[in-house]
N, C-alpha and C. Protein backbone atom coordinates (compact mmCIF):
# COMPACT_ATOMS: atom_id res chain seq x y z
N MET A 1 87.81 -67.20 -12.48
CA MET A 1 86.59 -67.92 -12.23
C MET A 1 86.44 -68.08 -10.72
N ILE A 2 85.32 -67.61 -10.21
CA ILE A 2 85.05 -67.67 -8.77
C ILE A 2 84.36 -68.98 -8.41
N ASP A 3 83.39 -69.36 -9.24
CA ASP A 3 82.61 -70.56 -8.98
C ASP A 3 82.14 -71.11 -10.31
N VAL A 4 81.98 -72.44 -10.38
CA VAL A 4 81.50 -73.05 -11.62
C VAL A 4 80.58 -74.22 -11.29
N ALA A 5 79.58 -74.40 -12.12
CA ALA A 5 78.64 -75.52 -12.00
C ALA A 5 78.43 -76.08 -13.41
N ALA A 6 77.66 -77.12 -13.53
CA ALA A 6 77.43 -77.74 -14.83
C ALA A 6 76.72 -76.80 -15.80
N ASP A 7 75.91 -75.88 -15.27
CA ASP A 7 75.12 -75.03 -16.17
C ASP A 7 75.56 -73.57 -16.21
N GLY A 8 76.61 -73.19 -15.45
CA GLY A 8 77.04 -71.81 -15.49
C GLY A 8 78.22 -71.53 -14.57
N ALA A 9 78.59 -70.26 -14.48
CA ALA A 9 79.75 -69.88 -13.68
C ALA A 9 79.61 -68.45 -13.19
N LYS A 10 80.37 -68.16 -12.12
CA LYS A 10 80.50 -66.80 -11.60
C LYS A 10 81.93 -66.38 -11.88
N LEU A 11 82.09 -65.27 -12.58
CA LEU A 11 83.40 -64.82 -13.02
C LEU A 11 83.74 -63.47 -12.43
N MET A 12 85.04 -63.18 -12.31
CA MET A 12 85.50 -61.86 -11.93
C MET A 12 86.45 -61.40 -13.03
N VAL A 13 86.25 -60.17 -13.49
CA VAL A 13 87.09 -59.61 -14.53
C VAL A 13 87.94 -58.48 -13.95
N LYS A 14 89.05 -58.18 -14.61
CA LYS A 14 89.96 -57.13 -14.12
C LYS A 14 89.37 -55.74 -14.29
N GLN A 15 88.61 -55.55 -15.36
CA GLN A 15 88.01 -54.25 -15.62
C GLN A 15 86.51 -54.42 -15.79
N PRO A 16 85.72 -53.43 -15.38
CA PRO A 16 84.27 -53.53 -15.57
C PRO A 16 83.92 -53.71 -17.04
N VAL A 17 82.85 -54.45 -17.30
CA VAL A 17 82.45 -54.74 -18.68
C VAL A 17 81.11 -54.09 -19.04
N GLU A 18 80.64 -53.15 -18.21
CA GLU A 18 79.40 -52.46 -18.53
C GLU A 18 79.52 -51.83 -19.91
N GLY A 19 78.47 -51.92 -20.68
CA GLY A 19 78.46 -51.33 -22.02
C GLY A 19 78.89 -52.27 -23.13
N LEU A 20 79.53 -53.39 -22.79
CA LEU A 20 79.92 -54.37 -23.81
C LEU A 20 78.73 -55.26 -24.13
N ASP A 21 78.61 -55.67 -25.38
CA ASP A 21 77.53 -56.57 -25.79
C ASP A 21 77.96 -58.00 -25.49
N LEU A 22 77.61 -58.50 -24.32
CA LEU A 22 78.02 -59.85 -23.91
C LEU A 22 76.84 -60.80 -23.86
N LYS A 23 75.82 -60.55 -24.68
CA LYS A 23 74.67 -61.44 -24.65
C LYS A 23 75.10 -62.88 -24.88
N GLU A 24 76.01 -63.10 -25.81
CA GLU A 24 76.53 -64.44 -26.08
C GLU A 24 78.02 -64.32 -26.42
N PHE A 25 78.85 -65.17 -25.79
CA PHE A 25 80.29 -65.12 -26.02
C PHE A 25 80.90 -66.47 -25.67
N PHE A 26 82.18 -66.64 -26.01
CA PHE A 26 82.91 -67.86 -25.67
C PHE A 26 83.83 -67.58 -24.50
N LEU A 27 83.83 -68.48 -23.54
CA LEU A 27 84.71 -68.41 -22.38
C LEU A 27 85.79 -69.46 -22.59
N ILE A 28 87.04 -69.02 -22.73
CA ILE A 28 88.17 -69.93 -22.94
C ILE A 28 88.64 -70.41 -21.57
N LEU A 29 88.70 -71.72 -21.38
CA LEU A 29 89.04 -72.30 -20.08
C LEU A 29 90.43 -72.91 -20.03
N SER A 30 91.21 -72.79 -21.10
CA SER A 30 92.56 -73.34 -21.11
C SER A 30 93.48 -72.41 -21.90
N THR A 31 94.76 -72.47 -21.63
CA THR A 31 95.71 -71.62 -22.34
C THR A 31 95.85 -72.00 -23.80
N THR A 32 95.52 -73.23 -24.15
CA THR A 32 95.61 -73.66 -25.55
C THR A 32 94.31 -73.39 -26.31
N GLY A 33 93.25 -73.04 -25.61
CA GLY A 33 91.96 -72.79 -26.25
C GLY A 33 91.18 -74.05 -26.56
N SER A 34 91.67 -75.20 -26.10
CA SER A 34 90.99 -76.45 -26.40
C SER A 34 89.77 -76.69 -25.52
N ALA A 35 89.67 -76.01 -24.40
CA ALA A 35 88.50 -76.12 -23.52
C ALA A 35 87.80 -74.77 -23.48
N TYR A 36 86.56 -74.75 -23.92
CA TYR A 36 85.80 -73.50 -23.95
C TYR A 36 84.32 -73.81 -23.78
N ARG A 37 83.56 -72.78 -23.45
CA ARG A 37 82.12 -72.91 -23.30
C ARG A 37 81.46 -71.70 -23.95
N ARG A 38 80.38 -71.94 -24.65
CA ARG A 38 79.56 -70.85 -25.18
C ARG A 38 78.69 -70.36 -24.03
N CYS A 39 78.66 -69.06 -23.79
CA CYS A 39 78.00 -68.51 -22.61
C CYS A 39 77.01 -67.41 -22.97
N GLU A 40 76.11 -67.19 -22.02
CA GLU A 40 75.17 -66.07 -22.09
C GLU A 40 75.27 -65.32 -20.77
N LEU A 41 75.38 -64.00 -20.85
CA LEU A 41 75.44 -63.19 -19.64
C LEU A 41 74.08 -63.22 -18.94
N VAL A 42 74.07 -63.54 -17.64
CA VAL A 42 72.85 -63.61 -16.86
C VAL A 42 72.73 -62.38 -15.95
N TRP A 43 73.82 -62.04 -15.28
CA TRP A 43 73.81 -60.87 -14.41
C TRP A 43 75.20 -60.24 -14.38
N LEU A 44 75.23 -58.96 -13.99
CA LEU A 44 76.47 -58.19 -13.94
C LEU A 44 76.43 -57.30 -12.73
N ASN A 45 77.50 -57.32 -11.92
CA ASN A 45 77.61 -56.49 -10.73
C ASN A 45 79.05 -56.00 -10.64
N GLY A 46 79.35 -54.87 -11.27
CA GLY A 46 80.72 -54.35 -11.26
C GLY A 46 81.66 -55.26 -12.01
N GLN A 47 82.62 -55.82 -11.28
CA GLN A 47 83.61 -56.70 -11.89
C GLN A 47 83.25 -58.18 -11.79
N GLN A 48 82.08 -58.50 -11.25
CA GLN A 48 81.62 -59.88 -11.19
C GLN A 48 80.45 -60.07 -12.14
N LEU A 49 80.43 -61.23 -12.79
CA LEU A 49 79.33 -61.53 -13.68
C LEU A 49 78.96 -62.99 -13.60
N GLY A 50 77.69 -63.27 -13.84
CA GLY A 50 77.19 -64.63 -13.86
C GLY A 50 76.87 -65.02 -15.29
N VAL A 51 77.27 -66.20 -15.69
CA VAL A 51 77.02 -66.68 -17.04
C VAL A 51 76.32 -68.03 -17.00
N ARG A 52 75.53 -68.26 -18.02
CA ARG A 52 74.88 -69.56 -18.21
C ARG A 52 75.52 -70.19 -19.43
N PHE A 53 75.90 -71.47 -19.32
CA PHE A 53 76.49 -72.18 -20.45
C PHE A 53 75.39 -72.56 -21.43
N LEU A 54 75.65 -72.32 -22.70
CA LEU A 54 74.71 -72.65 -23.77
C LEU A 54 75.20 -73.89 -24.49
N TYR A 55 74.30 -74.75 -24.84
CA TYR A 55 74.63 -75.97 -25.55
C TYR A 55 73.77 -76.08 -26.79
N PRO A 56 74.31 -76.61 -27.89
CA PRO A 56 73.46 -76.85 -29.07
C PRO A 56 72.33 -77.81 -28.70
N LEU A 57 71.13 -77.50 -29.13
CA LEU A 57 69.99 -78.35 -28.79
C LEU A 57 70.03 -79.70 -29.48
N ASP A 58 70.72 -79.78 -30.62
CA ASP A 58 70.74 -81.03 -31.36
C ASP A 58 71.88 -81.96 -30.99
N LYS A 59 72.77 -81.53 -30.10
CA LYS A 59 73.91 -82.37 -29.71
C LYS A 59 73.87 -82.62 -28.20
N PRO A 60 73.99 -83.87 -27.78
CA PRO A 60 74.07 -84.14 -26.34
C PRO A 60 75.42 -83.66 -25.80
N ILE A 61 75.46 -83.33 -24.54
CA ILE A 61 76.71 -82.92 -23.90
C ILE A 61 77.61 -84.13 -23.76
N ARG A 62 78.82 -84.05 -24.30
CA ARG A 62 79.76 -85.15 -24.24
C ARG A 62 80.54 -85.06 -22.95
N LYS A 63 80.56 -86.15 -22.21
CA LYS A 63 81.34 -86.19 -20.97
C LYS A 63 82.77 -86.57 -21.30
N ALA A 64 83.71 -85.96 -20.61
CA ALA A 64 85.12 -86.25 -20.83
C ALA A 64 85.46 -87.64 -20.31
N SER A 65 86.34 -88.29 -21.04
CA SER A 65 86.80 -89.61 -20.59
C SER A 65 87.81 -89.40 -19.45
N ALA A 66 88.12 -90.45 -18.72
CA ALA A 66 89.08 -90.37 -17.63
C ALA A 66 90.44 -89.92 -18.14
N ALA A 67 90.84 -90.35 -19.34
CA ALA A 67 92.13 -89.96 -19.91
C ALA A 67 92.16 -88.46 -20.18
N GLU A 68 91.06 -87.87 -20.66
CA GLU A 68 91.01 -86.44 -20.94
C GLU A 68 91.06 -85.62 -19.66
N VAL A 69 90.43 -86.09 -18.61
CA VAL A 69 90.41 -85.37 -17.34
C VAL A 69 91.80 -85.33 -16.74
N ILE A 70 92.56 -86.40 -16.85
CA ILE A 70 93.91 -86.49 -16.28
C ILE A 70 94.87 -85.55 -17.00
N GLN A 71 94.70 -85.36 -18.30
CA GLN A 71 95.61 -84.49 -19.07
C GLN A 71 95.44 -83.12 -18.63
């Protein structure tokens, strides 16, 4: 991950992903898989890609508690 914001991220991958269907995918943010974001590919430039985080329209975004952030 090169850069991250509340609504998206800039990622770098080891191998180019041209030709893969990445319209919507999950980005795993932890080794245990407990932190993830549903993403949509916005742009692709070789090994760098920009994604927009997708959220269910019927659920508000839950903010992490201080205890969760510390873990």
